[in-house]
């Protein structure tokens, strides 16, 4: 009852394992050679409507903890206006900020490449607010969670779930960082009609 992508992943793992056993002499023939890989289904991601994103931003004002609210707004701004991947967002450091020039610099991205990205004015305001609220810590990671520790994957997902609840969208689709990235690219394409420009903004080769 699993999806074709799940079956394909299992088949791939079995093939690699069987090939290794064959190379080391534990098998005489490749027992997975005749197994067919199921056709993978291509996922179609829907972009987030502007109205939904606006509701998420309004929800940041409803946090009881002002510092938590500033963090939520900063995270949303980065996801919405830069299109960075989850890992890229979580790896941001204070040295990556060049607010006077309205940009992020030397961002380590997928493929060990470094990029410089322009920052929207809304994002700059949110980052300034967060830097004022950010606790004094002994590391330079930009985003910090509870206890001043670096914000991790679980912390990011929990924060997005909190925002979704405060935005009164608890019963609707769960949003993850890649949904914001996809919406960022879709928004650029809708406004410009230039696919290459959207790809470049997302950091694709």
N, C-alpha and C. Protein backbone atom coordinates (compact mmCIF):
# COMPACT_ATOMS: atom_id res chain seq x y z
N UNK A 1 0.81 -1.21 0.00
CA UNK A 1 0.00 0.00 0.00
C UNK A 1 0.85 1.27 0.00
N UNK A 2 2.16 1.12 -0.17
CA UNK A 2 3.03 2.29 -0.18
C UNK A 2 3.05 2.95 -1.55
N UNK A 3 3.46 4.21 -1.57
CA UNK A 3 3.54 4.96 -2.82
C UNK A 3 4.68 4.41 -3.69
N UNK A 4 4.59 4.62 -5.02
CA UNK A 4 5.65 4.16 -5.92
C UNK A 4 7.03 4.67 -5.55
N UNK A 5 7.12 5.90 -5.05
CA UNK A 5 8.42 6.44 -4.65
C UNK A 5 9.03 5.64 -3.51
N UNK A 6 8.19 5.18 -2.59
CA UNK A 6 8.69 4.38 -1.47
C UNK A 6 9.20 3.02 -1.96
N UNK A 7 8.45 2.41 -2.88
CA UNK A 7 8.87 1.13 -3.46
C UNK A 7 10.20 1.30 -4.20
N UNK A 8 10.30 2.37 -4.96
CA UNK A 8 11.52 2.62 -5.73
C UNK A 8 12.72 2.79 -4.82
N UNK A 9 12.54 3.46 -3.71
CA UNK A 9 13.64 3.67 -2.76
C UNK A 9 14.10 2.34 -2.16
N UNK A 10 13.13 1.46 -1.84
CA UNK A 10 13.48 0.14 -1.30
C UNK A 10 14.22 -0.71 -2.33
N UNK A 11 13.75 -0.68 -3.56
CA UNK A 11 14.39 -1.45 -4.64
C UNK A 11 15.83 -0.96 -4.85
N UNK A 12 16.00 0.35 -4.81
CA UNK A 12 17.34 0.92 -4.99
C UNK A 12 18.29 0.44 -3.90
N UNK A 13 17.81 0.45 -2.66
CA UNK A 13 18.64 0.00 -1.53
C UNK A 13 18.99 -1.47 -1.66
N UNK A 14 18.02 -2.29 -2.05
CA UNK A 14 18.26 -3.72 -2.22
C UNK A 14 19.27 -3.99 -3.33
N UNK A 15 19.17 -3.24 -4.41
CA UNK A 15 20.11 -3.43 -5.52
C UNK A 15 21.54 -3.13 -5.10
N UNK A 16 21.72 -2.04 -4.37
CA UNK A 16 23.06 -1.69 -3.90
C UNK A 16 23.60 -2.75 -2.95
N UNK A 17 22.73 -3.25 -2.08
CA UNK A 17 23.15 -4.27 -1.13
C UNK A 17 23.53 -5.56 -1.85
N UNK A 18 22.70 -5.97 -2.82
CA UNK A 18 22.98 -7.18 -3.58
C UNK A 18 24.26 -7.04 -4.39
N UNK A 19 24.49 -5.86 -4.94
CA UNK A 19 25.71 -5.64 -5.73
C UNK A 19 26.94 -5.76 -4.84
N UNK A 20 26.84 -5.26 -3.63
CA UNK A 20 27.96 -5.34 -2.69
C UNK A 20 28.23 -6.80 -2.31
N UNK A 21 27.17 -7.56 -2.06
CA UNK A 21 27.33 -8.98 -1.72
C UNK A 21 27.94 -9.75 -2.88
N UNK A 22 27.56 -9.36 -4.11
CA UNK A 22 28.10 -10.00 -5.30
C UNK A 22 29.59 -9.72 -5.44
N UNK A 23 29.98 -8.47 -5.19
CA UNK A 23 31.38 -8.08 -5.31
C UNK A 23 32.26 -8.79 -4.27
N UNK A 24 31.70 -9.03 -3.09
CA UNK A 24 32.49 -9.66 -2.03
C UNK A 24 32.40 -11.19 -2.05
N UNK A 25 31.66 -11.72 -3.02
CA UNK A 25 31.61 -13.16 -3.18
C UNK A 25 30.57 -13.89 -2.36
N UNK A 26 29.69 -13.17 -1.72
CA UNK A 26 28.64 -13.81 -0.94
C UNK A 26 27.50 -14.30 -1.83
N UNK A 27 27.40 -13.74 -3.01
CA UNK A 27 26.40 -14.17 -3.99
C UNK A 27 27.09 -14.55 -5.28
N UNK A 28 26.49 -15.50 -6.00
CA UNK A 28 27.03 -15.91 -7.30
C UNK A 28 26.37 -15.14 -8.44
N UNK A 29 25.13 -14.69 -8.21
CA UNK A 29 24.41 -13.92 -9.24
C UNK A 29 23.73 -12.74 -8.56
N UNK A 30 23.41 -11.75 -9.38
CA UNK A 30 22.71 -10.57 -8.87
C UNK A 30 21.23 -10.90 -8.72
N UNK A 31 20.80 -11.14 -7.49
CA UNK A 31 19.43 -11.59 -7.26
C UNK A 31 18.39 -10.47 -7.46
N UNK A 32 18.85 -9.23 -7.58
CA UNK A 32 17.91 -8.11 -7.75
C UNK A 32 17.84 -7.62 -9.19
N UNK A 33 18.59 -8.29 -10.06
CA UNK A 33 18.65 -7.81 -11.44
C UNK A 33 17.30 -7.83 -12.13
N UNK A 34 16.46 -8.80 -11.80
CA UNK A 34 15.17 -8.94 -12.48
C UNK A 34 14.04 -8.11 -11.84
N UNK A 35 14.35 -7.46 -10.72
CA UNK A 35 13.32 -6.65 -10.05
C UNK A 35 13.15 -5.33 -10.80
N UNK A 36 11.94 -5.04 -11.17
CA UNK A 36 11.67 -3.80 -11.89
C UNK A 36 11.41 -2.65 -10.92
N UNK A 37 11.94 -1.51 -11.28
CA UNK A 37 11.72 -0.32 -10.44
C UNK A 37 10.38 0.31 -10.79
N UNK A 38 9.51 0.50 -9.80
CA UNK A 38 8.22 1.15 -10.09
C UNK A 38 8.41 2.55 -10.63
N UNK A 39 7.53 2.96 -11.47
CA UNK A 39 7.62 4.30 -12.04
C UNK A 39 7.31 5.32 -10.95
N UNK A 40 8.23 6.22 -10.76
CA UNK A 40 8.05 7.23 -9.72
C UNK A 40 7.00 8.26 -10.13
N UNK A 41 6.20 8.64 -9.17
CA UNK A 41 5.21 9.69 -9.44
C UNK A 41 5.86 11.04 -9.16
N UNK A 42 5.65 11.96 -10.07
CA UNK A 42 6.24 13.29 -9.91
C UNK A 42 5.32 14.15 -9.05
N UNK A 43 5.86 14.62 -7.94
CA UNK A 43 5.06 15.43 -7.04
C UNK A 43 4.85 16.82 -7.61
N UNK A 44 3.64 17.28 -7.52
CA UNK A 44 3.30 18.60 -8.01
C UNK A 44 3.05 19.51 -6.80
N UNK A 45 3.95 20.42 -6.58
CA UNK A 45 3.85 21.30 -5.43
C UNK A 45 2.99 22.51 -5.77
N UNK A 46 2.13 22.87 -4.86
CA UNK A 46 1.30 24.04 -5.04
C UNK A 46 1.94 25.20 -4.28
N UNK A 47 1.92 26.37 -4.90
CA UNK A 47 2.48 27.53 -4.22
C UNK A 47 1.47 28.07 -3.22
N UNK A 48 1.98 28.74 -2.19
CA UNK A 48 1.13 29.29 -1.15
C UNK A 48 0.54 30.61 -1.62
N UNK A 49 -0.76 30.77 -1.50
CA UNK A 49 -1.38 32.04 -1.89
C UNK A 49 -0.84 33.19 -1.05
N UNK A 50 -0.79 34.38 -1.63
CA UNK A 50 -0.29 35.55 -0.90
C UNK A 50 -1.10 35.81 0.36
N UNK A 51 -2.39 35.52 0.31
CA UNK A 51 -3.26 35.72 1.46
C UNK A 51 -2.83 34.85 2.64
N UNK A 52 -2.45 33.61 2.34
CA UNK A 52 -2.01 32.70 3.40
C UNK A 52 -0.71 33.18 4.03
N UNK A 53 0.22 33.62 3.21
CA UNK A 53 1.49 34.11 3.72
C UNK A 53 1.27 35.34 4.59
N UNK A 54 0.36 36.22 4.16
CA UNK A 54 0.04 37.42 4.94
C UNK A 54 -0.51 37.04 6.30
N UNK A 55 -1.38 36.03 6.35
CA UNK A 55 -1.93 35.57 7.62
C UNK A 55 -0.84 35.02 8.53
N UNK A 56 0.16 34.36 7.95
CA UNK A 56 1.28 33.85 8.74
C UNK A 56 2.05 35.01 9.39
N UNK A 57 2.26 36.07 8.62
CA UNK A 57 2.98 37.23 9.16
C UNK A 57 2.18 37.91 10.26
N UNK A 58 0.88 38.04 10.08
CA UNK A 58 0.03 38.63 11.12
C UNK A 58 0.08 37.80 12.40
N UNK A 59 0.21 36.49 12.24
CA UNK A 59 0.23 35.59 13.40
C UNK A 59 1.45 35.83 14.28
N UNK A 60 2.52 36.37 13.71
CA UNK A 60 3.74 36.61 14.50
C UNK A 60 3.49 37.62 15.61
N UNK A 61 2.47 38.45 15.47
CA UNK A 61 2.16 39.45 16.49
C UNK A 61 1.42 38.83 17.67
N UNK A 62 0.96 37.61 17.51
CA UNK A 62 0.14 36.98 18.54
C UNK A 62 0.92 36.13 19.53
N UNK A 63 2.24 36.05 19.32
CA UNK A 63 3.06 35.30 20.27
C UNK A 63 3.08 36.03 21.62
N UNK A 64 2.93 35.30 22.70
CA UNK A 64 2.99 35.90 24.03
C UNK A 64 4.41 36.36 24.35
N UNK A 65 5.37 35.61 23.85
CA UNK A 65 6.78 35.94 24.05
C UNK A 65 7.25 36.80 22.88
N UNK A 66 7.60 38.05 23.15
CA UNK A 66 8.02 38.96 22.08
C UNK A 66 9.24 38.46 21.34
N UNK A 67 10.15 37.84 22.07
CA UNK A 67 11.36 37.32 21.42
C UNK A 67 11.01 36.19 20.45
N UNK A 68 10.10 35.32 20.88
CA UNK A 68 9.65 34.23 20.01
C UNK A 68 8.94 34.79 18.78
N UNK A 69 8.17 35.83 18.96
CA UNK A 69 7.48 36.46 17.85
C UNK A 69 8.46 37.09 16.87
N UNK A 70 9.53 37.70 17.39
CA UNK A 70 10.54 38.30 16.51
C UNK A 70 11.27 37.22 15.72
N UNK A 71 11.54 36.09 16.38
CA UNK A 71 12.18 34.97 15.68
C UNK A 71 11.27 34.45 14.58
N UNK A 72 9.99 34.29 14.89
CA UNK A 72 9.04 33.78 13.90
C UNK A 72 8.98 34.69 12.68
N UNK A 73 8.95 35.99 12.92
CA UNK A 73 8.88 36.95 11.81
C UNK A 73 10.15 36.92 10.97
N UNK A 74 11.30 36.79 11.65
CA UNK A 74 12.58 36.73 10.92
C UNK A 74 12.65 35.48 10.05
N UNK A 75 12.25 34.34 10.62
CA UNK A 75 12.28 33.08 9.87
C UNK A 75 11.33 33.14 8.68
N UNK A 76 10.12 33.64 8.90
CA UNK A 76 9.16 33.76 7.81
C UNK A 76 9.68 34.67 6.71
N UNK A 77 10.30 35.76 7.10
CA UNK A 77 10.82 36.72 6.13
C UNK A 77 11.92 36.11 5.27
N UNK A 78 12.81 35.37 5.91
CA UNK A 78 13.88 34.71 5.17
C UNK A 78 13.32 33.69 4.19
N UNK A 79 12.40 32.85 4.68
CA UNK A 79 11.81 31.82 3.82
C UNK A 79 11.02 32.44 2.67
N UNK A 80 10.29 33.50 2.94
CA UNK A 80 9.41 34.11 1.95
C UNK A 80 10.15 34.92 0.91
N UNK A 81 11.18 35.66 1.33
CA UNK A 81 11.81 36.64 0.43
C UNK A 81 13.18 36.22 -0.11
N UNK A 82 13.69 35.05 0.30
CA UNK A 82 14.98 34.60 -0.24
C UNK A 82 14.87 33.28 -0.99
N UNK A 83 13.90 32.43 -0.62
CA UNK A 83 13.79 31.13 -1.27
C UNK A 83 14.88 30.16 -0.88
N UNK A 84 15.54 30.40 0.24
CA UNK A 84 16.62 29.50 0.68
C UNK A 84 16.05 28.16 1.12
N UNK A 85 16.86 27.13 0.99
CA UNK A 85 16.49 25.80 1.46
C UNK A 85 16.54 25.76 2.99
N UNK A 86 15.91 24.73 3.55
CA UNK A 86 15.87 24.59 5.00
C UNK A 86 17.27 24.63 5.61
N UNK A 87 18.16 23.80 5.08
CA UNK A 87 19.52 23.72 5.64
C UNK A 87 20.26 25.04 5.50
N UNK A 88 20.00 25.75 4.41
CA UNK A 88 20.67 27.04 4.18
C UNK A 88 20.19 28.09 5.17
N UNK A 89 18.90 28.04 5.49
CA UNK A 89 18.35 28.98 6.48
C UNK A 89 18.94 28.71 7.85
N UNK A 90 18.98 27.45 8.23
CA UNK A 90 19.45 27.09 9.56
C UNK A 90 20.96 27.29 9.73
N UNK A 91 21.69 27.34 8.64
CA UNK A 91 23.15 27.51 8.72
C UNK A 91 23.57 28.98 8.66
N UNK A 92 22.61 29.90 8.52
CA UNK A 92 22.95 31.32 8.44
C UNK A 92 23.64 31.79 9.72
N UNK A 93 24.63 32.62 9.54
CA UNK A 93 25.35 33.21 10.68
C UNK A 93 25.25 34.73 10.61
N UNK A 94 25.56 35.36 11.69
CA UNK A 94 25.46 36.82 11.72
C UNK A 94 26.40 37.47 10.71
N UNK A 95 27.52 36.81 10.40
CA UNK A 95 28.47 37.37 9.44
C UNK A 95 27.91 37.35 8.01
N UNK A 96 26.84 36.60 7.79
CA UNK A 96 26.23 36.56 6.46
C UNK A 96 25.36 37.79 6.20
N UNK A 97 25.08 38.56 7.25
CA UNK A 97 24.22 39.73 7.10
C UNK A 97 25.02 40.95 6.67
N UNK A 98 24.56 41.58 5.61
CA UNK A 98 25.10 42.88 5.17
C UNK A 98 23.90 43.80 5.00
N UNK A 99 23.31 44.19 6.12
CA UNK A 99 22.07 44.96 6.09
C UNK A 99 22.23 46.34 5.46
N UNK A 100 23.36 47.04 5.67
CA UNK A 100 23.50 48.35 5.00
C UNK A 100 23.40 48.25 3.48
N UNK A 101 23.88 47.12 2.93
CA UNK A 101 23.80 46.93 1.47
C UNK A 101 22.62 46.05 1.07
N UNK A 102 21.77 45.75 2.04
CA UNK A 102 20.54 44.99 1.80
C UNK A 102 20.79 43.66 1.11
N UNK A 103 21.62 42.84 1.74
CA UNK A 103 21.94 41.56 1.13
C UNK A 103 22.45 40.55 2.15
N UNK A 104 22.40 39.27 1.75
CA UNK A 104 23.05 38.19 2.47
C UNK A 104 24.27 37.79 1.66
N UNK A 105 25.40 37.61 2.32
CA UNK A 105 26.64 37.33 1.60
C UNK A 105 27.24 36.00 2.03
N UNK A 106 27.98 35.40 1.09
CA UNK A 106 28.74 34.16 1.36
C UNK A 106 27.88 33.06 1.98
N UNK A 107 26.71 32.84 1.39
CA UNK A 107 25.82 31.79 1.88
C UNK A 107 26.25 30.46 1.26
N UNK A 108 26.55 29.49 2.12
CA UNK A 108 26.92 28.17 1.64
C UNK A 108 25.67 27.42 1.22
N UNK A 109 25.56 27.11 -0.07
CA UNK A 109 24.36 26.48 -0.61
C UNK A 109 24.66 25.07 -1.10
N UNK A 110 23.64 24.46 -1.64
CA UNK A 110 23.75 23.09 -2.14
C UNK A 110 24.86 23.01 -3.19
N UNK A 111 25.64 21.93 -3.14
CA UNK A 111 26.74 21.77 -4.08
C UNK A 111 27.98 22.52 -3.65
N UNK A 112 28.04 22.93 -2.37
CA UNK A 112 29.20 23.65 -1.82
C UNK A 112 29.49 24.94 -2.59
N UNK A 113 28.43 25.60 -3.01
CA UNK A 113 28.58 26.86 -3.71
C UNK A 113 28.19 28.01 -2.79
N UNK A 114 28.82 29.16 -3.02
CA UNK A 114 28.53 30.34 -2.23
C UNK A 114 27.74 31.34 -3.06
N UNK A 115 26.72 31.94 -2.44
CA UNK A 115 25.87 32.88 -3.14
C UNK A 115 25.70 34.16 -2.33
N UNK A 116 25.36 35.22 -3.04
CA UNK A 116 24.97 36.49 -2.42
C UNK A 116 23.56 36.80 -2.88
N UNK A 117 22.69 37.12 -1.92
CA UNK A 117 21.28 37.35 -2.24
C UNK A 117 20.83 38.73 -1.79
N UNK A 118 20.02 39.41 -2.59
CA UNK A 118 19.45 40.70 -2.15
C UNK A 118 18.36 40.46 -1.12
N UNK A 119 18.14 41.45 -0.27
CA UNK A 119 17.13 41.34 0.77
C UNK A 119 16.01 42.35 0.55
N UNK A 120 14.79 41.89 0.67
CA UNK A 120 13.62 42.75 0.60
C UNK A 120 13.57 43.63 1.85
N UNK A 121 13.02 44.83 1.71
CA UNK A 121 12.95 45.76 2.85
C UNK A 121 12.21 45.15 4.04
N UNK A 122 11.14 44.39 3.75
CA UNK A 122 10.40 43.73 4.83
C UNK A 122 11.28 42.75 5.58
N UNK A 123 12.11 42.05 4.85
CA UNK A 123 13.02 41.08 5.46
C UNK A 123 14.07 41.80 6.31
N UNK A 124 14.57 42.93 5.82
CA UNK A 124 15.57 43.69 6.55
C UNK A 124 15.00 44.17 7.88
N UNK A 125 13.77 44.69 7.86
CA UNK A 125 13.13 45.16 9.09
C UNK A 125 12.97 44.03 10.09
N UNK A 126 12.54 42.86 9.61
CA UNK A 126 12.35 41.71 10.49
C UNK A 126 13.68 41.25 11.09
N UNK A 127 14.74 41.28 10.29
CA UNK A 127 16.05 40.85 10.78
C UNK A 127 16.59 41.84 11.82
N UNK A 128 16.35 43.12 11.61
CA UNK A 128 16.79 44.12 12.59
C UNK A 128 16.07 43.92 13.92
N UNK A 129 14.78 43.64 13.85
CA UNK A 129 14.01 43.38 15.06
C UNK A 129 14.53 42.14 15.79
N UNK A 130 14.86 41.12 15.00
CA UNK A 130 15.36 39.89 15.62
C UNK A 130 16.73 40.10 16.25
N UNK A 131 17.60 40.86 15.60
CA UNK A 131 18.92 41.09 16.17
C UNK A 131 18.84 41.83 17.50
N UNK A 132 17.83 42.69 17.66
CA UNK A 132 17.64 43.38 18.93
C UNK A 132 17.12 42.44 20.00
N UNK A 133 16.30 41.47 19.58
CA UNK A 133 15.71 40.53 20.53
C UNK A 133 16.58 39.30 20.77
N UNK A 134 17.50 39.03 19.86
CA UNK A 134 18.35 37.83 19.93
C UNK A 134 19.14 37.82 21.23
N UNK A 135 19.12 36.69 21.96
CA UNK A 135 19.83 36.63 23.25
C UNK A 135 21.35 36.66 23.06
N UNK A 136 22.04 37.04 24.12
CA UNK A 136 23.50 37.01 24.11
C UNK A 136 23.96 35.57 24.22
N UNK A 137 24.59 35.08 23.17
CA UNK A 137 25.03 33.67 23.14
C UNK A 137 26.49 33.60 22.73
N UNK A 138 27.10 32.43 22.93
CA UNK A 138 28.52 32.26 22.63
C UNK A 138 28.76 31.65 21.25
N UNK A 139 27.81 31.82 20.34
CA UNK A 139 27.98 31.36 18.96
C UNK A 139 27.41 32.42 18.04
N UNK A 140 27.72 32.32 16.74
CA UNK A 140 27.27 33.36 15.81
C UNK A 140 26.19 32.88 14.85
N UNK A 141 25.53 31.76 15.19
CA UNK A 141 24.41 31.33 14.36
C UNK A 141 23.30 32.38 14.49
N UNK A 142 22.75 32.77 13.35
CA UNK A 142 21.78 33.86 13.34
C UNK A 142 20.51 33.52 14.10
N UNK A 143 19.97 32.33 13.87
CA UNK A 143 18.69 31.95 14.45
C UNK A 143 18.89 31.06 15.67
N UNK A 144 18.33 31.47 16.78
CA UNK A 144 18.48 30.70 18.01
C UNK A 144 17.11 30.29 18.54
N UNK A 145 17.05 29.11 19.12
CA UNK A 145 15.80 28.62 19.68
C UNK A 145 15.77 28.79 21.18
N UNK A 146 15.08 27.91 21.84
CA UNK A 146 14.94 27.98 23.29
C UNK A 146 16.29 27.74 23.96
N UNK A 147 16.58 28.54 24.98
CA UNK A 147 17.83 28.41 25.69
C UNK A 147 19.00 29.04 24.96
N UNK A 148 18.72 29.74 23.86
CA UNK A 148 19.78 30.39 23.10
C UNK A 148 20.58 29.47 22.21
N UNK A 149 20.18 28.20 22.14
CA UNK A 149 20.89 27.25 21.29
C UNK A 149 20.54 27.50 19.82
N UNK A 150 21.41 27.05 18.95
CA UNK A 150 21.17 27.18 17.51
C UNK A 150 19.84 26.53 17.14
N UNK A 151 19.05 27.21 16.32
CA UNK A 151 17.78 26.66 15.88
C UNK A 151 18.03 25.47 14.95
N UNK A 152 17.42 24.33 15.28
CA UNK A 152 17.59 23.12 14.48
C UNK A 152 16.35 22.80 13.68
N UNK A 153 16.37 21.64 13.03
CA UNK A 153 15.26 21.23 12.17
C UNK A 153 13.97 21.11 12.96
N UNK A 154 14.01 20.39 14.09
CA UNK A 154 12.81 20.22 14.91
C UNK A 154 12.30 21.56 15.41
N UNK A 155 13.22 22.41 15.82
CA UNK A 155 12.83 23.73 16.31
C UNK A 155 12.17 24.57 15.23
N UNK A 156 12.68 24.47 14.01
CA UNK A 156 12.09 25.20 12.89
C UNK A 156 10.69 24.71 12.59
N UNK A 157 10.52 23.38 12.55
CA UNK A 157 9.19 22.82 12.27
C UNK A 157 8.20 23.17 13.37
N UNK A 158 8.65 23.12 14.62
CA UNK A 158 7.77 23.48 15.74
C UNK A 158 7.35 24.95 15.64
N UNK A 159 8.29 25.79 15.23
CA UNK A 159 7.99 27.22 15.09
C UNK A 159 6.95 27.45 14.00
N UNK A 160 7.10 26.77 12.87
CA UNK A 160 6.14 26.92 11.78
C UNK A 160 4.76 26.40 12.19
N UNK A 161 4.74 25.33 12.98
CA UNK A 161 3.46 24.82 13.46
C UNK A 161 2.79 25.80 14.42
N UNK A 162 3.60 26.46 15.26
CA UNK A 162 3.06 27.47 16.16
C UNK A 162 2.43 28.62 15.35
N UNK A 163 3.15 29.05 14.33
CA UNK A 163 2.65 30.14 13.49
C UNK A 163 1.35 29.73 12.81
N UNK A 164 1.30 28.51 12.33
CA UNK A 164 0.09 28.02 11.65
C UNK A 164 -1.10 28.00 12.61
N UNK A 165 -0.85 27.62 13.84
CA UNK A 165 -1.93 27.60 14.84
C UNK A 165 -2.41 29.01 15.15
N UNK A 166 -1.47 29.93 15.34
CA UNK A 166 -1.83 31.31 15.65
C UNK A 166 -2.50 32.02 14.47
N UNK A 167 -2.25 31.49 13.27
CA UNK A 167 -2.88 32.05 12.08
C UNK A 167 -4.26 31.45 11.83
N UNK A 168 -4.73 30.62 12.76
CA UNK A 168 -6.03 29.95 12.65
C UNK A 168 -6.11 29.06 11.41
N UNK A 169 -5.00 28.39 11.11
CA UNK A 169 -4.97 27.47 9.97
C UNK A 169 -4.55 26.08 10.42
N UNK A 170 -4.86 25.76 11.68
CA UNK A 170 -4.43 24.50 12.28
C UNK A 170 -5.00 23.30 11.53
N UNK A 171 -6.21 23.43 11.00
CA UNK A 171 -6.85 22.31 10.33
C UNK A 171 -6.47 22.21 8.86
N UNK A 172 -5.67 23.15 8.37
CA UNK A 172 -5.32 23.14 6.95
C UNK A 172 -3.95 22.47 6.74
N UNK A 173 -3.51 22.50 5.53
CA UNK A 173 -2.29 21.80 5.15
C UNK A 173 -1.08 22.30 5.94
N UNK A 174 -0.28 21.35 6.40
CA UNK A 174 0.95 21.69 7.11
C UNK A 174 1.96 22.26 6.11
N UNK A 175 2.52 23.39 6.44
CA UNK A 175 3.50 24.02 5.57
C UNK A 175 4.91 23.76 6.08
N UNK A 176 5.79 23.47 5.14
CA UNK A 176 7.18 23.21 5.47
C UNK A 176 8.07 24.19 4.69
N UNK A 177 9.35 24.31 5.08
CA UNK A 177 10.23 25.29 4.44
C UNK A 177 10.23 25.25 2.91
N UNK A 178 10.16 24.04 2.33
CA UNK A 178 10.24 23.96 0.87
C UNK A 178 8.99 24.54 0.21
N UNK A 179 7.87 24.58 0.92
CA UNK A 179 6.67 25.21 0.37
C UNK A 179 6.90 26.70 0.15
N UNK A 180 7.60 27.34 1.08
CA UNK A 180 7.92 28.75 0.93
C UNK A 180 8.91 28.96 -0.22
N UNK A 181 9.85 28.04 -0.35
CA UNK A 181 10.83 28.14 -1.44
C UNK A 181 10.14 28.02 -2.80
N UNK A 182 9.23 27.07 -2.90
CA UNK A 182 8.50 26.87 -4.14
C UNK A 182 7.63 28.09 -4.45
N UNK A 183 7.01 28.65 -3.42
CA UNK A 183 6.18 29.83 -3.60
C UNK A 183 7.01 31.03 -4.05
N UNK A 184 8.22 31.14 -3.51
CA UNK A 184 9.14 32.22 -3.90
C UNK A 184 9.44 32.15 -5.39
N UNK A 185 9.81 30.96 -5.87
CA UNK A 185 10.10 30.79 -7.29
C UNK A 185 8.88 31.02 -8.16
N UNK A 186 7.73 30.52 -7.72
CA UNK A 186 6.49 30.69 -8.48
C UNK A 186 6.10 32.16 -8.57
N UNK A 187 6.32 32.90 -7.49
CA UNK A 187 5.97 34.32 -7.46
C UNK A 187 6.82 35.11 -8.46
N UNK A 188 8.10 34.78 -8.53
CA UNK A 188 8.98 35.45 -9.48
C UNK A 188 8.56 35.14 -10.91
N UNK A 189 8.23 33.88 -11.16
CA UNK A 189 7.83 33.48 -12.51
C UNK A 189 6.52 34.14 -12.92
N UNK A 190 5.58 34.22 -11.99
CA UNK A 190 4.29 34.85 -12.30
C UNK A 190 4.45 36.32 -12.63
N UNK A 191 5.38 36.99 -11.94
CA UNK A 191 5.55 38.43 -12.15
C UNK A 191 6.39 38.75 -13.39
N UNK A 192 7.34 37.87 -13.72
CA UNK A 192 8.26 38.17 -14.82
C UNK A 192 8.02 37.32 -16.06
N UNK A 193 7.46 36.13 -15.86
CA UNK A 193 7.29 35.20 -16.98
C UNK A 193 8.61 34.64 -17.48
N UNK A 194 9.67 34.85 -16.69
CA UNK A 194 11.02 34.42 -17.07
C UNK A 194 11.43 33.23 -16.21
N UNK A 195 11.42 32.03 -16.81
CA UNK A 195 11.74 30.81 -16.07
C UNK A 195 13.20 30.79 -15.63
N UNK A 196 14.09 31.27 -16.49
CA UNK A 196 15.51 31.27 -16.15
C UNK A 196 15.80 32.19 -14.97
N UNK A 197 15.09 33.31 -14.93
CA UNK A 197 15.27 34.23 -13.81
C UNK A 197 14.82 33.59 -12.50
N UNK A 198 13.72 32.85 -12.55
CA UNK A 198 13.23 32.14 -11.37
C UNK A 198 14.23 31.06 -10.94
N UNK A 199 14.77 30.33 -11.89
CA UNK A 199 15.76 29.29 -11.59
C UNK A 199 17.01 29.89 -10.96
N UNK A 200 17.45 31.03 -11.49
CA UNK A 200 18.64 31.68 -10.97
C UNK A 200 18.40 32.17 -9.53
N UNK A 201 17.20 32.72 -9.29
CA UNK A 201 16.88 33.21 -7.95
C UNK A 201 16.87 32.07 -6.93
N UNK A 202 16.50 30.88 -7.39
CA UNK A 202 16.45 29.70 -6.51
C UNK A 202 17.79 29.01 -6.37
N UNK A 203 18.78 29.47 -7.15
CA UNK A 203 20.10 28.88 -7.05
C UNK A 203 20.30 27.62 -7.86
N UNK A 204 19.42 27.40 -8.85
CA UNK A 204 19.60 26.23 -9.72
C UNK A 204 20.58 26.57 -10.83
N UNK A 205 21.36 25.56 -11.23
CA UNK A 205 22.31 25.76 -12.32
C UNK A 205 21.57 25.88 -13.65
